[in-house]
Amino acid sequence: MAETLFLLHIQVRGTDIALNACGYCTASLLALKIIAGLLVTVTFIIILPRLELRIPFAAASSLAISAACHPPANDANAHLQEVQWGVVEGELNETGVGHCTFTSKPVTAPQVGKIYA
């Protein structure tokens, strides 16, 4: 396959007539369009499926961000295992407030109406 776009210079022998133009190859231009279209399509196919979002939006709550960053004390070497976010069982403080965090331990989903930190 030839180059898609190329410069063309034609000069007539024995005269001062010269022509400069831009040429193109339709076969390679078509191949370029097909490959570019496939790349865009594959990108959208990969991006569009949404993951189930179980973590509540907490961009402005430093308390929620801090809680998510403090795993249970007995969760050693969590970085070597798969982690998940949720309510850690048995992590109630003295006021009965539960704890939501990233941990490698078993978790449950938060319940509406309960208070978590």
N, C-alpha and C. Protein backbone atom coordinates (compact mmCIF):
# COMPACT_ATOMS: atom_id res chain seq x y z
N MET A 1 0.84 -1.16 0.00
CA MET A 1 0.00 0.00 0.00
C MET A 1 0.90 1.24 0.00
N ALA A 2 0.53 2.23 -0.76
CA ALA A 2 1.33 3.45 -0.89
C ALA A 2 1.04 4.39 0.28
N GLU A 3 1.74 5.49 0.29
CA GLU A 3 1.49 6.51 1.30
C GLU A 3 0.10 7.08 1.10
N THR A 4 -0.53 7.48 2.17
CA THR A 4 -1.87 8.03 2.07
C THR A 4 -1.85 9.41 1.41
N LEU A 5 -1.05 10.30 1.90
CA LEU A 5 -0.90 11.64 1.33
C LEU A 5 0.54 11.83 0.90
N PHE A 6 0.73 12.45 -0.26
CA PHE A 6 2.10 12.68 -0.73
C PHE A 6 2.14 13.95 -1.57
N LEU A 7 3.33 14.53 -1.66
CA LEU A 7 3.53 15.72 -2.48
C LEU A 7 3.86 15.31 -3.90
N LEU A 8 3.34 16.06 -4.87
CA LEU A 8 3.52 15.76 -6.28
C LEU A 8 4.14 16.98 -6.95
N HIS A 9 5.23 16.77 -7.67
CA HIS A 9 5.90 17.86 -8.40
C HIS A 9 6.07 17.43 -9.84
N ILE A 10 5.41 18.15 -10.74
CA ILE A 10 5.49 17.84 -12.17
C ILE A 10 6.14 19.03 -12.88
N GLN A 11 7.15 18.74 -13.69
CA GLN A 11 7.81 19.79 -14.47
C GLN A 11 7.86 19.33 -15.93
N VAL A 12 7.36 20.17 -16.82
CA VAL A 12 7.34 19.85 -18.24
C VAL A 12 8.73 20.08 -18.81
N ARG A 13 9.28 19.07 -19.53
CA ARG A 13 10.63 19.17 -20.07
C ARG A 13 10.74 20.28 -21.11
N GLY A 14 11.82 21.01 -21.00
CA GLY A 14 12.10 22.05 -21.97
C GLY A 14 11.34 23.34 -21.75
N THR A 15 10.53 23.42 -20.70
CA THR A 15 9.81 24.66 -20.41
C THR A 15 10.01 25.01 -18.94
N ASP A 16 9.50 26.17 -18.60
CA ASP A 16 9.54 26.61 -17.20
C ASP A 16 8.24 26.28 -16.47
N ILE A 17 7.42 25.45 -17.08
CA ILE A 17 6.13 25.11 -16.46
C ILE A 17 6.35 24.03 -15.41
N ALA A 18 5.87 24.31 -14.19
CA ALA A 18 5.97 23.35 -13.09
C ALA A 18 4.65 23.34 -12.33
N LEU A 19 4.31 22.21 -11.81
CA LEU A 19 3.06 22.06 -11.06
C LEU A 19 3.36 21.34 -9.76
N ASN A 20 2.93 21.92 -8.67
CA ASN A 20 3.03 21.30 -7.34
C ASN A 20 1.63 20.99 -6.87
N ALA A 21 1.44 19.81 -6.34
CA ALA A 21 0.11 19.41 -5.87
C ALA A 21 0.27 18.40 -4.74
N CYS A 22 -0.87 18.13 -4.10
CA CYS A 22 -0.91 17.11 -3.05
C CYS A 22 -1.73 15.96 -3.60
N GLY A 23 -1.16 14.76 -3.54
CA GLY A 23 -1.85 13.58 -4.04
C GLY A 23 -2.26 12.69 -2.88
N TYR A 24 -3.15 11.75 -3.17
CA TYR A 24 -3.58 10.81 -2.13
C TYR A 24 -3.89 9.46 -2.75
N CYS A 25 -3.80 8.44 -1.92
CA CYS A 25 -4.09 7.08 -2.34
C CYS A 25 -5.40 6.67 -1.68
N THR A 26 -6.42 6.38 -2.48
CA THR A 26 -7.73 6.09 -1.91
C THR A 26 -7.75 4.80 -1.09
N ALA A 27 -6.98 3.80 -1.48
CA ALA A 27 -6.97 2.52 -0.74
C ALA A 27 -6.41 2.70 0.66
N SER A 28 -5.28 3.40 0.77
CA SER A 28 -4.70 3.59 2.11
C SER A 28 -5.52 4.59 2.93
N LEU A 29 -6.17 5.56 2.28
CA LEU A 29 -7.04 6.49 3.00
C LEU A 29 -8.24 5.75 3.57
N LEU A 30 -8.81 4.82 2.79
CA LEU A 30 -9.92 4.02 3.28
C LEU A 30 -9.48 3.13 4.45
N ALA A 31 -8.30 2.52 4.33
CA ALA A 31 -7.78 1.69 5.43
C ALA A 31 -7.56 2.53 6.69
N LEU A 32 -7.05 3.74 6.53
CA LEU A 32 -6.84 4.64 7.67
C LEU A 32 -8.16 4.98 8.34
N LYS A 33 -9.19 5.28 7.55
CA LYS A 33 -10.50 5.60 8.12
C LYS A 33 -11.09 4.41 8.86
N ILE A 34 -10.94 3.21 8.31
CA ILE A 34 -11.48 2.01 8.97
C ILE A 34 -10.77 1.75 10.29
N ILE A 35 -9.44 1.84 10.30
CA ILE A 35 -8.68 1.61 11.54
C ILE A 35 -9.01 2.66 12.58
N ALA A 36 -9.10 3.93 12.17
CA ALA A 36 -9.44 5.00 13.12
C ALA A 36 -10.85 4.78 13.69
N GLY A 37 -11.78 4.38 12.83
CA GLY A 37 -13.14 4.11 13.30
C GLY A 37 -13.19 2.95 14.28
N LEU A 38 -12.41 1.90 14.01
CA LEU A 38 -12.36 0.76 14.93
C LEU A 38 -11.77 1.17 16.28
N LEU A 39 -10.72 1.99 16.26
CA LEU A 39 -10.12 2.44 17.52
C LEU A 39 -11.11 3.25 18.36
N VAL A 40 -11.85 4.14 17.72
CA VAL A 40 -12.85 4.93 18.45
C VAL A 40 -13.95 4.04 18.98
N THR A 41 -14.43 3.10 18.16
CA THR A 41 -15.49 2.19 18.59
C THR A 41 -15.06 1.32 19.76
N VAL A 42 -13.88 0.74 19.67
CA VAL A 42 -13.37 -0.11 20.76
C VAL A 42 -13.19 0.71 22.04
N THR A 43 -12.71 1.94 21.90
CA THR A 43 -12.54 2.80 23.08
C THR A 43 -13.88 3.04 23.77
N PHE A 44 -14.92 3.35 23.01
CA PHE A 44 -16.24 3.57 23.62
C PHE A 44 -16.82 2.29 24.20
N ILE A 45 -16.58 1.15 23.58
CA ILE A 45 -17.07 -0.11 24.12
C ILE A 45 -16.41 -0.41 25.46
N ILE A 46 -15.15 -0.07 25.59
CA ILE A 46 -14.44 -0.32 26.85
C ILE A 46 -14.87 0.67 27.93
N ILE A 47 -15.09 1.92 27.56
CA ILE A 47 -15.39 2.97 28.54
C ILE A 47 -16.83 2.93 29.02
N LEU A 48 -17.78 2.62 28.15
CA LEU A 48 -19.19 2.78 28.48
C LEU A 48 -19.74 1.89 29.58
N PRO A 49 -19.35 0.62 29.71
CA PRO A 49 -19.93 -0.18 30.80
C PRO A 49 -19.55 0.43 32.16
N ARG A 50 -20.54 0.70 32.93
CA ARG A 50 -20.33 1.31 34.24
C ARG A 50 -20.22 0.23 35.31
N LEU A 51 -19.31 0.46 36.24
CA LEU A 51 -19.21 -0.43 37.39
C LEU A 51 -20.28 -0.05 38.39
N GLU A 52 -20.72 -1.04 39.16
CA GLU A 52 -21.70 -0.76 40.20
C GLU A 52 -21.03 0.08 41.28
N LEU A 53 -21.55 1.24 41.53
CA LEU A 53 -20.97 2.15 42.51
C LEU A 53 -21.64 1.94 43.85
N ARG A 54 -20.89 1.36 44.78
CA ARG A 54 -21.44 1.11 46.11
C ARG A 54 -20.94 2.12 47.12
N ILE A 55 -19.95 2.90 46.75
CA ILE A 55 -19.40 3.87 47.69
C ILE A 55 -20.14 5.19 47.52
N PRO A 56 -20.66 5.75 48.61
CA PRO A 56 -21.36 7.03 48.47
C PRO A 56 -20.39 8.15 48.12
N PHE A 57 -20.90 9.15 47.44
CA PHE A 57 -20.08 10.30 47.04
C PHE A 57 -19.71 11.09 48.30
N ALA A 58 -18.41 11.27 48.53
CA ALA A 58 -17.96 11.93 49.76
C ALA A 58 -16.82 12.91 49.48
N ALA A 59 -16.90 13.61 48.36
CA ALA A 59 -15.79 14.49 47.98
C ALA A 59 -15.58 15.64 48.96
N ALA A 60 -16.65 16.10 49.60
CA ALA A 60 -16.52 17.25 50.50
C ALA A 60 -16.52 16.84 51.97
N SER A 61 -16.58 15.56 52.26
CA SER A 61 -16.64 15.11 53.65
C SER A 61 -15.30 14.51 54.06
N SER A 62 -14.54 15.27 54.81
CA SER A 62 -13.24 14.77 55.25
C SER A 62 -13.40 13.61 56.23
N LEU A 63 -14.52 13.56 56.95
CA LEU A 63 -14.77 12.45 57.88
C LEU A 63 -14.95 11.13 57.11
N ALA A 64 -15.71 11.17 56.02
CA ALA A 64 -15.93 9.96 55.22
C ALA A 64 -14.64 9.51 54.54
N ILE A 65 -13.86 10.46 54.03
CA ILE A 65 -12.59 10.12 53.40
C ILE A 65 -11.62 9.52 54.42
N SER A 66 -11.57 10.11 55.61
CA SER A 66 -10.69 9.61 56.67
C SER A 66 -11.10 8.20 57.10
N ALA A 67 -12.41 7.97 57.23
CA ALA A 67 -12.89 6.65 57.64
C ALA A 67 -12.53 5.59 56.61
N ALA A 68 -12.65 5.94 55.33
CA ALA A 68 -12.33 4.97 54.28
C ALA A 68 -10.85 4.64 54.25
N CYS A 69 -10.02 5.53 54.78
CA CYS A 69 -8.57 5.33 54.76
C CYS A 69 -8.04 4.65 56.02
N HIS A 70 -8.90 4.34 56.97
CA HIS A 70 -8.46 3.71 58.22
C HIS A 70 -9.07 2.31 58.33
N PRO A 71 -8.33 1.29 57.91
CA PRO A 71 -8.85 -0.08 57.99
C PRO A 71 -8.86 -0.57 59.44
N PRO A 72 -9.51 -1.69 59.69
CA PRO A 72 -9.52 -2.25 61.04
C PRO A 72 -8.09 -2.58 61.50
N ALA A 73 -7.90 -2.60 62.81
CA ALA A 73 -6.58 -2.86 63.38
C ALA A 73 -6.09 -4.27 63.05
N ASN A 74 -6.99 -5.23 62.93
CA ASN A 74 -6.58 -6.62 62.68
C ASN A 74 -6.46 -6.94 61.19
N ASP A 75 -6.46 -5.94 60.33
CA ASP A 75 -6.37 -6.14 58.87
C ASP A 75 -4.93 -5.90 58.41
N ALA A 76 -4.05 -6.85 58.76
CA ALA A 76 -2.64 -6.72 58.38
C ALA A 76 -2.43 -7.24 56.96
N ASN A 77 -1.52 -6.63 56.24
CA ASN A 77 -1.16 -7.02 54.87
C ASN A 77 -2.34 -7.01 53.90
N ALA A 78 -3.25 -6.05 54.07
CA ALA A 78 -4.40 -5.95 53.17
C ALA A 78 -3.96 -5.61 51.76
N HIS A 79 -2.81 -4.97 51.63
CA HIS A 79 -2.32 -4.59 50.30
C HIS A 79 -1.91 -5.80 49.46
N LEU A 80 -1.79 -6.97 50.08
CA LEU A 80 -1.43 -8.19 49.36
C LEU A 80 -2.66 -9.01 48.96
N GLN A 81 -3.86 -8.54 49.35
CA GLN A 81 -5.09 -9.29 49.09
C GLN A 81 -6.08 -8.39 48.35
N GLU A 82 -7.18 -8.99 47.93
CA GLU A 82 -8.24 -8.20 47.32
C GLU A 82 -8.97 -7.45 48.42
N VAL A 83 -9.25 -6.16 48.16
CA VAL A 83 -9.96 -5.35 49.14
C VAL A 83 -11.34 -4.99 48.61
N GLN A 84 -12.23 -4.66 49.53
CA GLN A 84 -13.56 -4.21 49.18
C GLN A 84 -14.00 -3.16 50.18
N TRP A 85 -14.99 -2.38 49.80
CA TRP A 85 -15.48 -1.32 50.67
C TRP A 85 -16.82 -1.72 51.25
N GLY A 86 -17.01 -1.44 52.53
CA GLY A 86 -18.29 -1.71 53.17
C GLY A 86 -18.19 -1.57 54.67
N VAL A 87 -19.24 -2.02 55.34
CA VAL A 87 -19.32 -1.96 56.81
C VAL A 87 -18.54 -3.12 57.38
N VAL A 88 -17.58 -2.82 58.23
CA VAL A 88 -16.77 -3.85 58.86
C VAL A 88 -17.53 -4.37 60.08
N GLU A 89 -17.76 -5.67 60.11
CA GLU A 89 -18.49 -6.28 61.24
C GLU A 89 -17.67 -6.17 62.52
N GLY A 90 -18.33 -5.87 63.61
CA GLY A 90 -17.67 -5.81 64.91
C GLY A 90 -16.86 -4.54 65.12
N GLU A 91 -17.00 -3.54 64.28
CA GLU A 91 -16.25 -2.29 64.41
C GLU A 91 -17.16 -1.16 64.86
N LEU A 92 -17.91 -1.36 65.92
CA LEU A 92 -18.76 -0.30 66.47
C LEU A 92 -17.99 0.44 67.55
N ASN A 93 -18.12 1.77 67.57
CA ASN A 93 -17.49 2.51 68.66
C ASN A 93 -18.44 2.56 69.85
N GLU A 94 -18.07 3.29 70.89
CA GLU A 94 -18.85 3.30 72.13
C GLU A 94 -20.24 3.91 71.96
N THR A 95 -20.46 4.71 70.94
CA THR A 95 -21.78 5.30 70.71
C THR A 95 -22.63 4.49 69.74
N GLY A 96 -22.13 3.37 69.27
CA GLY A 96 -22.88 2.51 68.37
C GLY A 96 -22.78 2.89 66.91
N VAL A 97 -21.80 3.74 66.58
CA VAL A 97 -21.61 4.16 65.19
C VAL A 97 -20.75 3.11 64.49
N GLY A 98 -21.21 2.63 63.31
CA GLY A 98 -20.47 1.63 62.57
C GLY A 98 -19.30 2.24 61.81
N HIS A 99 -18.52 1.38 61.15
CA HIS A 99 -17.32 1.85 60.43
C HIS A 99 -17.32 1.30 59.02
N CYS A 100 -17.26 2.20 58.02
CA CYS A 100 -17.15 1.84 56.61
C CYS A 100 -15.73 2.14 56.15
N THR A 101 -15.10 1.15 55.50
CA THR A 101 -13.72 1.35 55.07
C THR A 101 -13.37 0.34 53.98
N PHE A 102 -12.18 0.51 53.41
CA PHE A 102 -11.61 -0.49 52.51
C PHE A 102 -10.91 -1.53 53.37
N THR A 103 -11.20 -2.80 53.15
CA THR A 103 -10.59 -3.86 53.96
C THR A 103 -10.56 -5.16 53.16
N SER A 104 -9.69 -6.07 53.61
CA SER A 104 -9.67 -7.40 53.01
C SER A 104 -10.55 -8.37 53.81
N LYS A 105 -11.11 -7.90 54.89
CA LYS A 105 -12.02 -8.70 55.72
C LYS A 105 -13.42 -8.69 55.13
N PRO A 106 -14.31 -9.59 55.57
CA PRO A 106 -15.70 -9.59 55.08
C PRO A 106 -16.42 -8.29 55.47
N VAL A 107 -17.23 -7.78 54.54
CA VAL A 107 -17.99 -6.55 54.79
C VAL A 107 -19.44 -6.77 54.38
N THR A 108 -20.31 -5.87 54.85
CA THR A 108 -21.71 -5.86 54.43
C THR A 108 -22.02 -4.48 53.87
N ALA A 109 -23.11 -4.36 53.16
CA ALA A 109 -23.51 -3.08 52.59
C ALA A 109 -24.06 -2.18 53.70
N PRO A 110 -23.82 -0.88 53.61
CA PRO A 110 -24.40 0.04 54.60
C PRO A 110 -25.93 0.04 54.50
N GLN A 111 -26.58 0.26 55.63
CA GLN A 111 -28.04 0.27 55.67
C GLN A 111 -28.53 1.70 55.85
N VAL A 112 -29.60 2.02 55.16
CA VAL A 112 -30.18 3.35 55.24
C VAL A 112 -30.69 3.59 56.66
N GLY A 113 -30.40 4.75 57.20
CA GLY A 113 -30.87 5.12 58.54
C GLY A 113 -29.85 4.88 59.63
N LYS A 114 -28.82 4.09 59.39
CA LYS A 114 -27.77 3.86 60.38
C LYS A 114 -26.66 4.86 60.17
N ILE A 115 -25.93 5.12 61.23
CA ILE A 115 -24.82 6.09 61.18
C ILE A 115 -23.50 5.35 61.11
N TYR A 116 -22.66 5.81 60.18
CA TYR A 116 -21.35 5.19 59.99
C TYR A 116 -20.28 6.28 59.98
N ALA A 117 -19.09 5.89 60.39
CA ALA A 117 -17.95 6.81 60.34
C ALA A 117 -16.80 6.13 59.69
